[in-house]
Amino acid sequence: MHDYPEKLTGGCLCGAVRFETTAKPFKVAYCHCSSCRKATAAPVLAIMLFYEGGVRFTRGAPKRYESSPGVFRGHCSNCGTPLSWEGMWHDKPIIETYVACLDDPQACAPDRHGFIDERLSWFDVADDLPRYSGTSPES
């Protein structure tokens, strides 16, 4: 695993919602699942996974949408920027936020591809990172 920074900051396009991390992410991955693609209008996205409490909103708060039972996606109600995913991972509550929302997205390079079976056929994955049907071998 990469040595990710202990504290990161980020937010939405208009600045109405800002966040900071209070712990290192336990995973940083590319997600190819159809749900994430729909929620972000992107062919793939880079996500950071934190245990509950690992992200703190410092200005504003995302508007939450329950995209499936027990799963909430957050976005800025002003500019629409997707900001978070909240749900359970191995019976633990987690929050994910998106690398592209960071003030310094270079700080958190993904180290894997998740849900690779859902990858769009026309999206070329030209790297040597591990690929998983879920988020990791234990998924």
N, C-alpha and C. Protein backbone atom coordinates (compact mmCIF):
# COMPACT_ATOMS: atom_id res chain seq x y z
N MET A 1 0.84 -1.18 0.00
CA MET A 1 0.00 0.00 0.00
C MET A 1 0.88 1.24 0.00
N HIS A 2 0.38 2.25 -0.65
CA HIS A 2 1.10 3.52 -0.72
C HIS A 2 1.12 4.20 0.64
N ASP A 3 2.02 5.14 0.81
CA ASP A 3 2.08 5.93 2.03
C ASP A 3 1.28 7.21 1.80
N TYR A 4 -0.01 7.15 2.05
CA TYR A 4 -0.89 8.29 1.81
C TYR A 4 -0.77 9.29 2.95
N PRO A 5 -1.00 10.58 2.66
CA PRO A 5 -0.94 11.60 3.71
C PRO A 5 -1.99 11.38 4.80
N GLU A 6 -1.67 11.79 6.01
CA GLU A 6 -2.59 11.68 7.14
C GLU A 6 -3.76 12.65 7.00
N LYS A 7 -3.51 13.82 6.41
CA LYS A 7 -4.56 14.82 6.28
C LYS A 7 -4.62 15.32 4.83
N LEU A 8 -5.83 15.35 4.30
CA LEU A 8 -6.10 15.84 2.96
C LEU A 8 -7.28 16.79 3.03
N THR A 9 -7.35 17.72 2.10
CA THR A 9 -8.49 18.63 2.05
C THR A 9 -9.06 18.63 0.64
N GLY A 10 -10.33 18.96 0.54
CA GLY A 10 -10.96 19.01 -0.76
C GLY A 10 -12.35 19.60 -0.67
N GLY A 11 -13.05 19.56 -1.79
CA GLY A 11 -14.39 20.10 -1.81
C GLY A 11 -14.99 20.10 -3.19
N CYS A 12 -16.12 20.75 -3.29
CA CYS A 12 -16.87 20.80 -4.55
C CYS A 12 -16.37 21.93 -5.45
N LEU A 13 -16.90 21.98 -6.64
CA LEU A 13 -16.51 22.97 -7.64
C LEU A 13 -16.77 24.41 -7.19
N CYS A 14 -17.90 24.67 -6.55
CA CYS A 14 -18.24 26.04 -6.17
C CYS A 14 -17.70 26.45 -4.80
N GLY A 15 -17.20 25.48 -4.02
CA GLY A 15 -16.63 25.79 -2.71
C GLY A 15 -17.64 25.79 -1.56
N ALA A 16 -18.89 25.51 -1.85
CA ALA A 16 -19.91 25.51 -0.79
C ALA A 16 -19.72 24.37 0.20
N VAL A 17 -19.15 23.26 -0.25
CA VAL A 17 -18.89 22.11 0.62
C VAL A 17 -17.40 21.82 0.61
N ARG A 18 -16.82 21.75 1.80
CA ARG A 18 -15.39 21.45 1.96
C ARG A 18 -15.26 20.31 2.97
N PHE A 19 -14.20 19.53 2.81
CA PHE A 19 -13.95 18.44 3.75
C PHE A 19 -12.46 18.33 4.02
N GLU A 20 -12.16 17.62 5.11
CA GLU A 20 -10.79 17.24 5.40
C GLU A 20 -10.82 15.81 5.91
N THR A 21 -9.72 15.12 5.71
CA THR A 21 -9.63 13.77 6.22
C THR A 21 -8.95 13.81 7.58
N THR A 22 -9.34 12.88 8.43
CA THR A 22 -8.79 12.83 9.79
C THR A 22 -8.02 11.53 10.01
N ALA A 23 -7.81 10.78 8.94
CA ALA A 23 -7.07 9.52 8.98
C ALA A 23 -6.59 9.22 7.57
N LYS A 24 -5.67 8.30 7.46
CA LYS A 24 -5.23 7.86 6.14
C LYS A 24 -6.31 6.95 5.55
N PRO A 25 -6.50 7.00 4.21
CA PRO A 25 -7.46 6.06 3.61
C PRO A 25 -6.94 4.63 3.77
N PHE A 26 -7.85 3.68 3.97
CA PHE A 26 -7.40 2.29 4.05
C PHE A 26 -7.34 1.64 2.68
N LYS A 27 -7.94 2.26 1.67
CA LYS A 27 -7.81 1.84 0.28
C LYS A 27 -7.97 3.07 -0.61
N VAL A 28 -7.26 3.06 -1.72
CA VAL A 28 -7.47 4.04 -2.79
C VAL A 28 -7.53 3.21 -4.07
N ALA A 29 -8.64 3.30 -4.78
CA ALA A 29 -8.86 2.40 -5.90
C ALA A 29 -9.58 3.09 -7.05
N TYR A 30 -9.43 2.52 -8.22
CA TYR A 30 -10.29 2.87 -9.34
C TYR A 30 -11.54 2.02 -9.20
N CYS A 31 -12.71 2.61 -9.34
CA CYS A 31 -13.96 1.85 -9.29
C CYS A 31 -14.59 1.88 -10.68
N HIS A 32 -14.92 0.70 -11.19
CA HIS A 32 -15.53 0.56 -12.51
C HIS A 32 -17.00 0.17 -12.43
N CYS A 33 -17.59 0.15 -11.23
CA CYS A 33 -18.97 -0.34 -11.11
C CYS A 33 -19.96 0.61 -11.79
N SER A 34 -21.03 0.02 -12.29
CA SER A 34 -22.02 0.81 -13.03
C SER A 34 -22.70 1.85 -12.14
N SER A 35 -22.87 1.55 -10.87
CA SER A 35 -23.51 2.50 -9.96
C SER A 35 -22.66 3.76 -9.79
N CYS A 36 -21.36 3.59 -9.59
CA CYS A 36 -20.46 4.75 -9.47
C CYS A 36 -20.39 5.54 -10.77
N ARG A 37 -20.39 4.81 -11.89
CA ARG A 37 -20.36 5.51 -13.18
C ARG A 37 -21.59 6.39 -13.33
N LYS A 38 -22.76 5.84 -13.02
CA LYS A 38 -24.00 6.63 -13.13
C LYS A 38 -23.99 7.83 -12.18
N ALA A 39 -23.53 7.62 -10.95
CA ALA A 39 -23.56 8.68 -9.93
C ALA A 39 -22.60 9.82 -10.26
N THR A 40 -21.55 9.55 -11.03
CA THR A 40 -20.54 10.57 -11.30
C THR A 40 -20.47 10.99 -12.77
N ALA A 41 -21.20 10.28 -13.64
CA ALA A 41 -21.16 10.54 -15.08
C ALA A 41 -19.74 10.42 -15.64
N ALA A 42 -19.00 9.43 -15.14
CA ALA A 42 -17.62 9.20 -15.57
C ALA A 42 -17.44 7.72 -15.90
N PRO A 43 -16.54 7.39 -16.82
CA PRO A 43 -16.34 5.98 -17.17
C PRO A 43 -15.65 5.17 -16.08
N VAL A 44 -14.94 5.84 -15.20
CA VAL A 44 -14.26 5.22 -14.06
C VAL A 44 -13.96 6.33 -13.08
N LEU A 45 -13.82 6.01 -11.80
CA LEU A 45 -13.45 7.04 -10.86
C LEU A 45 -12.46 6.52 -9.85
N ALA A 46 -11.69 7.42 -9.29
CA ALA A 46 -10.72 7.09 -8.25
C ALA A 46 -11.35 7.45 -6.91
N ILE A 47 -11.39 6.45 -6.01
CA ILE A 47 -12.05 6.63 -4.72
C ILE A 47 -11.06 6.37 -3.59
N MET A 48 -11.30 7.05 -2.47
CA MET A 48 -10.55 6.84 -1.23
C MET A 48 -11.53 6.31 -0.21
N LEU A 49 -11.19 5.23 0.46
CA LEU A 49 -12.05 4.61 1.45
C LEU A 49 -11.53 4.88 2.85
N PHE A 50 -12.43 5.35 3.71
CA PHE A 50 -12.10 5.67 5.11
C PHE A 50 -13.12 4.99 6.01
N TYR A 51 -12.66 4.57 7.18
CA TYR A 51 -13.61 4.10 8.18
C TYR A 51 -14.40 5.30 8.67
N GLU A 52 -15.60 5.03 9.22
CA GLU A 52 -16.48 6.08 9.72
C GLU A 52 -15.69 7.05 10.59
N GLY A 53 -15.88 8.34 10.36
CA GLY A 53 -15.16 9.37 11.11
C GLY A 53 -13.87 9.80 10.43
N GLY A 54 -13.50 9.16 9.34
CA GLY A 54 -12.26 9.50 8.66
C GLY A 54 -12.34 10.71 7.77
N VAL A 55 -13.56 11.22 7.55
CA VAL A 55 -13.77 12.42 6.74
C VAL A 55 -14.67 13.35 7.55
N ARG A 56 -14.28 14.61 7.60
CA ARG A 56 -15.07 15.61 8.32
C ARG A 56 -15.39 16.75 7.37
N PHE A 57 -16.66 17.11 7.26
CA PHE A 57 -17.06 18.25 6.42
C PHE A 57 -16.86 19.52 7.22
N THR A 58 -16.08 20.43 6.67
CA THR A 58 -15.68 21.64 7.38
C THR A 58 -16.45 22.88 6.93
N ARG A 59 -17.09 22.81 5.79
CA ARG A 59 -17.96 23.89 5.30
C ARG A 59 -19.11 23.24 4.56
N GLY A 60 -20.31 23.59 4.93
CA GLY A 60 -21.48 23.00 4.29
C GLY A 60 -21.55 21.51 4.57
N ALA A 61 -22.46 20.87 3.91
CA ALA A 61 -22.63 19.42 4.03
C ALA A 61 -23.21 18.92 2.72
N PRO A 62 -22.81 17.74 2.30
CA PRO A 62 -23.39 17.21 1.08
C PRO A 62 -24.86 16.88 1.26
N LYS A 63 -25.61 17.05 0.20
CA LYS A 63 -26.98 16.56 0.19
C LYS A 63 -26.87 15.07 -0.06
N ARG A 64 -27.57 14.26 0.73
CA ARG A 64 -27.45 12.81 0.65
C ARG A 64 -28.64 12.21 -0.10
N TYR A 65 -28.31 11.20 -0.90
CA TYR A 65 -29.31 10.47 -1.68
C TYR A 65 -29.10 8.98 -1.41
N GLU A 66 -30.16 8.27 -1.03
CA GLU A 66 -30.05 6.83 -0.79
C GLU A 66 -30.16 6.11 -2.14
N SER A 67 -29.01 5.75 -2.70
CA SER A 67 -28.97 5.15 -4.03
C SER A 67 -29.36 3.68 -4.04
N SER A 68 -29.21 3.01 -2.92
CA SER A 68 -29.70 1.65 -2.71
C SER A 68 -29.84 1.49 -1.19
N PRO A 69 -30.53 0.46 -0.73
CA PRO A 69 -30.77 0.35 0.71
C PRO A 69 -29.47 0.41 1.53
N GLY A 70 -29.39 1.40 2.41
CA GLY A 70 -28.23 1.56 3.28
C GLY A 70 -27.02 2.22 2.65
N VAL A 71 -27.13 2.64 1.40
CA VAL A 71 -26.02 3.31 0.70
C VAL A 71 -26.44 4.73 0.37
N PHE A 72 -25.62 5.69 0.82
CA PHE A 72 -25.92 7.09 0.59
C PHE A 72 -24.81 7.73 -0.22
N ARG A 73 -25.19 8.48 -1.22
CA ARG A 73 -24.24 9.24 -2.03
C ARG A 73 -24.48 10.71 -1.75
N GLY A 74 -23.38 11.45 -1.57
CA GLY A 74 -23.48 12.87 -1.25
C GLY A 74 -23.00 13.73 -2.41
N HIS A 75 -23.66 14.86 -2.59
CA HIS A 75 -23.25 15.81 -3.62
C HIS A 75 -23.55 17.23 -3.14
N CYS A 76 -22.92 18.21 -3.77
CA CYS A 76 -23.20 19.60 -3.43
C CYS A 76 -24.56 19.97 -4.02
N SER A 77 -25.44 20.50 -3.19
CA SER A 77 -26.77 20.88 -3.68
C SER A 77 -26.73 22.15 -4.51
N ASN A 78 -25.61 22.86 -4.47
CA ASN A 78 -25.48 24.09 -5.25
C ASN A 78 -24.92 23.81 -6.66
N CYS A 79 -23.75 23.17 -6.74
CA CYS A 79 -23.12 22.96 -8.06
C CYS A 79 -23.25 21.54 -8.58
N GLY A 80 -23.67 20.59 -7.74
CA GLY A 80 -23.89 19.22 -8.17
C GLY A 80 -22.69 18.29 -8.10
N THR A 81 -21.54 18.79 -7.65
CA THR A 81 -20.35 17.94 -7.59
C THR A 81 -20.58 16.71 -6.72
N PRO A 82 -20.35 15.49 -7.26
CA PRO A 82 -20.41 14.29 -6.42
C PRO A 82 -19.27 14.33 -5.40
N LEU A 83 -19.57 14.00 -4.15
CA LEU A 83 -18.57 14.12 -3.07
C LEU A 83 -18.33 12.86 -2.26
N SER A 84 -19.34 12.02 -2.08
CA SER A 84 -19.13 10.92 -1.14
C SER A 84 -20.05 9.74 -1.42
N TRP A 85 -19.65 8.62 -0.85
CA TRP A 85 -20.42 7.37 -0.80
C TRP A 85 -20.33 6.89 0.63
N GLU A 86 -21.45 6.55 1.24
CA GLU A 86 -21.45 6.05 2.62
C GLU A 86 -22.22 4.74 2.66
N GLY A 87 -21.65 3.77 3.35
CA GLY A 87 -22.30 2.47 3.46
C GLY A 87 -21.48 1.56 4.35
N MET A 88 -21.66 0.26 4.18
CA MET A 88 -20.97 -0.74 4.98
C MET A 88 -19.93 -1.46 4.13
N TRP A 89 -18.83 -1.83 4.75
CA TRP A 89 -17.78 -2.63 4.13
C TRP A 89 -17.31 -3.62 5.16
N HIS A 90 -17.54 -4.91 4.90
CA HIS A 90 -17.21 -5.97 5.86
C HIS A 90 -17.76 -5.65 7.25
N ASP A 91 -19.03 -5.27 7.30
CA ASP A 91 -19.75 -4.98 8.55
C ASP A 91 -19.24 -3.75 9.30
N LYS A 92 -18.49 -2.90 8.63
CA LYS A 92 -18.03 -1.65 9.27
C LYS A 92 -18.53 -0.47 8.44
N PRO A 93 -19.03 0.58 9.09
CA PRO A 93 -19.46 1.76 8.34
C PRO A 93 -18.25 2.50 7.77
N ILE A 94 -18.36 2.86 6.50
CA ILE A 94 -17.28 3.59 5.85
C ILE A 94 -17.84 4.79 5.09
N ILE A 95 -16.93 5.68 4.73
CA ILE A 95 -17.25 6.78 3.83
C ILE A 95 -16.14 6.81 2.78
N GLU A 96 -16.56 6.98 1.55
CA GLU A 96 -15.61 7.15 0.45
C GLU A 96 -15.77 8.57 -0.06
N THR A 97 -14.69 9.13 -0.50
CA THR A 97 -14.75 10.38 -1.22
C THR A 97 -13.89 10.23 -2.46
N TYR A 98 -13.96 11.18 -3.34
CA TYR A 98 -13.36 11.02 -4.66
C TYR A 98 -12.05 11.78 -4.77
N VAL A 99 -11.03 11.10 -5.28
CA VAL A 99 -9.70 11.69 -5.42
C VAL A 99 -9.77 12.99 -6.22
N ALA A 100 -10.61 13.05 -7.24
CA ALA A 100 -10.70 14.25 -8.08
C ALA A 100 -11.20 15.47 -7.31
N CYS A 101 -11.83 15.28 -6.15
CA CYS A 101 -12.32 16.40 -5.33
C CYS A 101 -11.25 16.97 -4.41
N LEU A 102 -10.08 16.31 -4.33
CA LEU A 102 -9.02 16.78 -3.45
C LEU A 102 -8.38 18.06 -3.98
N ASP A 103 -7.89 18.89 -3.07
CA ASP A 103 -7.11 20.06 -3.47
C ASP A 103 -5.81 19.61 -4.14
N ASP A 104 -5.27 18.47 -3.72
CA ASP A 104 -4.06 17.90 -4.31
C ASP A 104 -4.33 16.45 -4.70
N PRO A 105 -5.00 16.21 -5.83
CA PRO A 105 -5.32 14.84 -6.21
C PRO A 105 -4.08 13.98 -6.51
N GLN A 106 -2.94 14.61 -6.72
CA GLN A 106 -1.70 13.85 -6.95
C GLN A 106 -1.29 13.06 -5.70
N ALA A 107 -1.81 13.44 -4.54
CA ALA A 107 -1.40 12.82 -3.27
C ALA A 107 -1.92 11.40 -3.08
N CYS A 108 -2.93 11.01 -3.82
CA CYS A 108 -3.56 9.70 -3.59
C CYS A 108 -3.75 8.92 -4.88
N ALA A 109 -2.70 8.31 -5.36
CA ALA A 109 -2.79 7.47 -6.55
C ALA A 109 -3.44 6.14 -6.20
N PRO A 110 -4.40 5.69 -6.98
CA PRO A 110 -4.99 4.37 -6.74
C PRO A 110 -3.96 3.26 -6.86
N ASP A 111 -4.21 2.17 -6.10
CA ASP A 111 -3.29 1.03 -6.14
C ASP A 111 -3.97 -0.25 -6.62
N ARG A 112 -5.19 -0.13 -7.16
CA ARG A 112 -5.95 -1.29 -7.63
C ARG A 112 -7.12 -0.84 -8.50
N HIS A 113 -7.70 -1.79 -9.20
CA HIS A 113 -8.94 -1.59 -9.94
C HIS A 113 -10.00 -2.47 -9.30
N GLY A 114 -11.13 -1.88 -8.94
CA GLY A 114 -12.23 -2.63 -8.37
C GLY A 114 -13.36 -2.78 -9.36
N PHE A 115 -14.10 -3.86 -9.23
CA PHE A 115 -15.25 -4.15 -10.09
C PHE A 115 -14.86 -4.13 -11.57
N ILE A 116 -13.69 -4.72 -11.84
CA ILE A 116 -13.16 -4.71 -13.20
C ILE A 116 -14.08 -5.44 -14.18
N ASP A 117 -14.88 -6.38 -13.70
CA ASP A 117 -15.81 -7.09 -14.58
C ASP A 117 -16.89 -6.16 -15.14
N GLU A 118 -17.08 -5.00 -14.50
CA GLU A 118 -18.08 -4.04 -14.97
C GLU A 118 -17.45 -2.92 -15.82
N ARG A 119 -16.15 -3.03 -16.08
CA ARG A 119 -15.44 -2.02 -16.87
C ARG A 119 -16.09 -1.87 -18.24
N LEU A 120 -16.18 -0.64 -18.70
CA LEU A 120 -16.67 -0.40 -20.06
C LEU A 120 -15.65 -0.97 -21.05
N SER A 121 -16.12 -1.68 -22.03
CA SER A 121 -15.22 -2.37 -22.97
C SER A 121 -14.33 -1.40 -23.74
N TRP A 122 -14.80 -0.17 -23.95
CA TRP A 122 -14.01 0.79 -24.72
C TRP A 122 -13.05 1.60 -23.85
N PHE A 123 -13.06 1.37 -22.53
CA PHE A 123 -12.15 2.07 -21.64
C PHE A 123 -10.90 1.23 -21.43
N ASP A 124 -9.77 1.72 -21.95
CA ASP A 124 -8.52 0.98 -21.87
C ASP A 124 -7.87 1.19 -20.51
N VAL A 125 -7.56 0.08 -19.85
CA VAL A 125 -6.86 0.13 -18.57
C VAL A 125 -5.42 -0.27 -18.87
N ALA A 126 -4.57 0.73 -19.04
CA ALA A 126 -3.19 0.49 -19.48
C ALA A 126 -2.21 0.69 -18.33
N ASP A 127 -2.37 -0.08 -17.26
CA ASP A 127 -1.42 -0.05 -16.15
C ASP A 127 -1.25 -1.47 -15.63
N ASP A 128 -0.37 -1.63 -14.68
CA ASP A 128 -0.09 -2.96 -14.13
C ASP A 128 -0.68 -3.17 -12.74
N LEU A 129 -1.66 -2.35 -12.36
CA LEU A 129 -2.27 -2.48 -11.03
C LEU A 129 -3.11 -3.75 -10.94
N PRO A 130 -3.23 -4.32 -9.75
CA PRO A 130 -4.09 -5.50 -9.58
C PRO A 130 -5.54 -5.17 -9.93
N ARG A 131 -6.25 -6.18 -10.41
CA ARG A 131 -7.65 -6.04 -10.80
C ARG A 131 -8.49 -7.06 -10.03
N TYR A 132 -9.63 -6.57 -9.50
CA TYR A 132 -10.48 -7.42 -8.68
C TYR A 132 -11.93 -7.33 -9.14
N SER A 133 -12.67 -8.43 -8.97
CA SER A 133 -14.10 -8.43 -9.29
C SER A 133 -14.88 -7.56 -8.31
N GLY A 134 -14.39 -7.48 -7.06
CA GLY A 134 -14.95 -6.58 -6.05
C GLY A 134 -13.94 -5.47 -5.82
N THR A 135 -13.77 -5.08 -4.55
CA THR A 135 -12.80 -4.03 -4.25
C THR A 135 -11.42 -4.58 -3.93
N SER A 136 -11.36 -5.89 -3.62
CA SER A 136 -10.09 -6.50 -3.24
C SER A 136 -10.28 -8.01 -3.22
N PRO A 137 -9.22 -8.79 -3.00
CA PRO A 137 -9.39 -10.24 -3.01
C PRO A 137 -10.38 -10.73 -1.95
N GLU A 138 -10.49 -10.02 -0.83
CA GLU A 138 -11.40 -10.45 0.24
C GLU A 138 -12.84 -10.04 0.02
N SER A 139 -13.14 -9.33 -1.06
CA SER A 139 -14.52 -8.89 -1.34
C SER A 139 -15.38 -10.03 -1.83
